[in-house]
Amino acid sequence: FQNISNEFKRFSAKGQVPFIELNGLEIADSNIIIEELKEKFGKVEMEPADPVDQATARAYGSLVEDHLSWTLVGLRSKFGSDFILSDDGFGRHYGSPAMKYMIQFFGRFMINRQLYNKAQAQGMGKHSPEELHAMAKRDLQAISLFLGKKPYFGGD
């Protein structure tokens, strides 16, 4: 394969990052990418052999993507998106100092409003920061207990 870093300047046709192009077919969403690559290259042994272990790994993956990630969006909607606009986030792509200032000034408002609206619509935005922290902590404790000494959800 050839890795081409586009510095988050190009998105998939679905508007997602990451995405890959495999034999001319664009595949977006990391979970779909993994499934397609396992199937295409016959790497099904990457999954646990036991169906119960497969189901458990899938359930914990859903916990991360469908609950924990939304608690973080809920928290960001309350505390702002400064990281996204910093030099460690997308800030390194702005060009001139004046352009960087304008994008950060207007971007902060737009991103925070968008995060707020999404978190409210999903439901996590309706919780207090303390409630969100407690939910995220319980999710992380459950994940930590499940992982134990395993390096991945699905084994080695």
Protein backbone atom coordinates (compact mmCIF):
# COMPACT_ATOMS: atom_id res chain seq x y z
CA PHE A 1 0.00 0.00 0.00
CA GLN A 2 0.98 3.61 -0.32
CA ASN A 3 0.12 6.03 2.48
CA ILE A 4 -0.67 9.50 1.22
CA SER A 5 -1.06 12.13 3.92
CA ASN A 6 -3.43 14.83 2.80
CA GLU A 7 -3.19 16.77 6.09
CA PHE A 8 -6.99 16.60 6.40
CA LYS A 9 -7.39 18.80 3.33
CA ARG A 10 -9.26 16.15 1.32
CA PHE A 11 -12.21 14.13 2.53
CA SER A 12 -13.99 11.10 1.08
CA ALA A 13 -17.04 11.49 -1.13
CA LYS A 14 -19.04 10.91 2.08
CA GLY A 15 -17.15 13.78 3.74
CA GLN A 16 -15.23 11.46 6.08
CA VAL A 17 -11.65 10.99 7.19
CA PRO A 18 -10.06 8.46 7.24
CA PHE A 19 -10.75 6.87 3.93
CA ILE A 20 -8.85 4.62 1.55
CA GLU A 21 -8.88 3.93 -2.13
CA LEU A 22 -8.68 0.25 -2.96
CA ASN A 23 -8.54 -0.74 -6.62
CA GLY A 24 -10.28 2.48 -7.59
CA LEU A 25 -13.04 2.11 -4.97
CA GLU A 26 -13.18 4.73 -2.23
CA ILE A 27 -13.98 3.28 1.21
CA ALA A 28 -14.69 5.61 4.15
CA ASP A 29 -15.19 4.99 7.89
CA SER A 30 -12.48 3.14 9.78
CA ASN A 31 -14.72 0.22 10.75
CA ILE A 32 -15.85 -0.35 7.17
CA ILE A 33 -12.25 0.00 5.98
CA ILE A 34 -11.09 -2.68 8.43
CA GLU A 35 -13.88 -5.05 7.42
CA GLU A 36 -13.20 -4.56 3.71
CA LEU A 37 -9.46 -5.10 4.12
CA LYS A 38 -9.94 -8.23 6.24
CA GLU A 39 -12.27 -9.68 3.63
CA LYS A 40 -10.23 -8.59 0.60
CA PHE A 41 -6.93 -9.93 1.94
CA GLY A 42 -8.28 -12.98 3.81
CA LYS A 43 -7.32 -11.78 7.27
CA VAL A 44 -10.36 -13.09 9.13
CA GLU A 45 -8.00 -14.63 11.69
CA MET A 46 -7.62 -11.11 13.05
CA GLU A 47 -10.94 -11.63 14.80
CA PRO A 48 -11.38 -13.84 17.85
CA ALA A 49 -12.35 -17.40 16.91
CA ASP A 50 -15.09 -17.65 19.53
CA PRO A 51 -18.36 -15.99 18.40
CA VAL A 52 -19.05 -14.84 21.97
CA ASP A 53 -15.68 -13.06 22.03
CA GLN A 54 -16.50 -11.51 18.65
CA ALA A 55 -19.82 -10.25 19.99
CA THR A 56 -18.19 -8.88 23.15
CA ALA A 57 -15.52 -7.05 21.15
CA ARG A 58 -18.23 -5.59 18.91
CA ALA A 59 -20.27 -4.48 21.93
CA TYR A 60 -17.28 -2.69 23.47
CA GLY A 61 -16.51 -1.09 20.12
CA SER A 62 -20.06 0.22 20.04
CA LEU A 63 -19.69 1.49 23.60
CA VAL A 64 -16.70 3.55 22.50
CA GLU A 65 -18.24 4.84 19.28
CA ASP A 66 -21.85 5.30 20.31
CA HIS A 67 -21.56 6.39 23.93
CA LEU A 68 -18.08 7.42 25.02
CA SER A 69 -17.47 9.51 21.89
CA TRP A 70 -20.79 11.32 22.42
CA THR A 71 -19.92 12.10 26.05
CA LEU A 72 -16.78 13.76 24.69
CA VAL A 73 -18.78 15.71 22.10
CA GLY A 74 -21.12 16.75 24.93
CA LEU A 75 -18.16 17.96 26.99
CA ARG A 76 -16.62 19.79 24.03
CA SER A 77 -19.96 21.46 23.40
CA LYS A 78 -19.82 22.87 26.92
CA PHE A 79 -16.11 23.74 27.15
CA GLY A 80 -15.29 24.73 23.59
CA SER A 81 -13.21 23.54 20.68
CA ASP A 82 -9.93 25.32 21.30
CA PHE A 83 -7.89 22.17 20.61
CA ILE A 84 -9.38 21.77 17.12
CA LEU A 85 -8.24 25.26 16.19
CA SER A 86 -4.82 25.09 17.89
CA ASP A 87 -1.51 24.39 16.20
CA ASP A 88 -1.81 20.80 17.46
CA GLY A 89 -5.18 20.47 15.71
CA PHE A 90 -6.00 22.02 12.35
CA GLY A 91 -4.28 25.33 13.20
CA ARG A 92 -1.09 24.47 11.37
CA HIS A 93 -2.94 24.71 8.03
CA TYR A 94 -4.08 28.33 8.20
CA GLY A 95 -1.24 30.15 6.44
CA SER A 96 -0.71 33.79 7.33
CA PRO A 97 -1.13 35.03 10.92
CA ALA A 98 -4.05 37.24 9.84
CA MET A 99 -5.84 34.33 8.15
CA LYS A 100 -5.16 32.13 11.18
CA TYR A 101 -6.66 34.77 13.51
CA MET A 102 -9.79 35.19 11.36
CA ILE A 103 -10.38 31.47 11.05
CA GLN A 104 -9.83 30.91 14.75
CA PHE A 105 -12.10 33.81 15.70
CA PHE A 106 -15.02 32.84 13.44
CA GLY A 107 -14.27 29.11 13.50
CA ARG A 108 -14.46 28.95 17.28
CA PHE A 109 -18.01 30.30 17.22
CA MET A 110 -19.13 28.07 14.32
CA ILE A 111 -17.54 24.87 15.65
CA ASN A 112 -18.81 25.43 19.17
CA ARG A 113 -22.32 26.11 17.86
CA GLN A 114 -22.19 22.98 15.68
CA LEU A 115 -20.95 20.81 18.56
CA TYR A 116 -23.65 22.25 20.82
CA ASN A 117 -26.41 21.55 18.28
CA LYS A 118 -25.22 18.00 17.62
CA ALA A 119 -24.86 17.20 21.32
CA GLN A 120 -28.32 18.59 22.05
CA ALA A 121 -29.91 16.65 19.19
CA GLN A 122 -28.21 13.40 20.24
CA GLY A 123 -29.13 13.95 23.89
CA MET A 124 -25.71 14.09 25.55
CA GLY A 125 -25.75 17.88 25.45
CA LYS A 126 -28.62 17.89 27.93
CA HIS A 127 -26.42 16.50 30.73
CA SER A 128 -24.27 18.54 33.07
CA PRO A 129 -20.47 18.42 32.76
CA GLU A 130 -20.34 16.43 35.99
CA GLU A 131 -22.77 13.84 34.64
CA LEU A 132 -20.81 13.59 31.38
CA HIS A 133 -17.53 13.12 33.26
CA ALA A 134 -19.11 10.37 35.37
CA MET A 135 -20.46 8.59 32.26
CA ALA A 136 -17.11 8.79 30.49
CA LYS A 137 -15.31 7.50 33.58
CA ARG A 138 -17.68 4.51 33.85
CA ASP A 139 -17.18 3.74 30.15
CA LEU A 140 -13.40 3.89 30.50
CA GLN A 141 -13.47 1.70 33.61
CA ALA A 142 -15.56 -0.91 31.80
CA ILE A 143 -13.18 -0.85 28.83
CA SER A 144 -10.17 -1.13 31.13
CA LEU A 145 -11.65 -4.12 32.95
CA PHE A 146 -12.54 -5.84 29.70
CA LEU A 147 -9.12 -5.26 28.17
CA GLY A 148 -7.17 -6.31 31.25
CA LYS A 149 -3.77 -7.24 29.81
CA LYS A 150 -5.07 -7.82 26.26
CA PRO A 151 -3.61 -5.40 23.69
CA TYR A 152 -6.85 -5.19 21.65
CA PHE A 153 -10.58 -5.80 22.05
CA GLY A 154 -10.38 -8.85 19.82
CA GLY A 155 -7.22 -10.47 21.22
CA ASP A 156 -3.72 -10.27 19.79
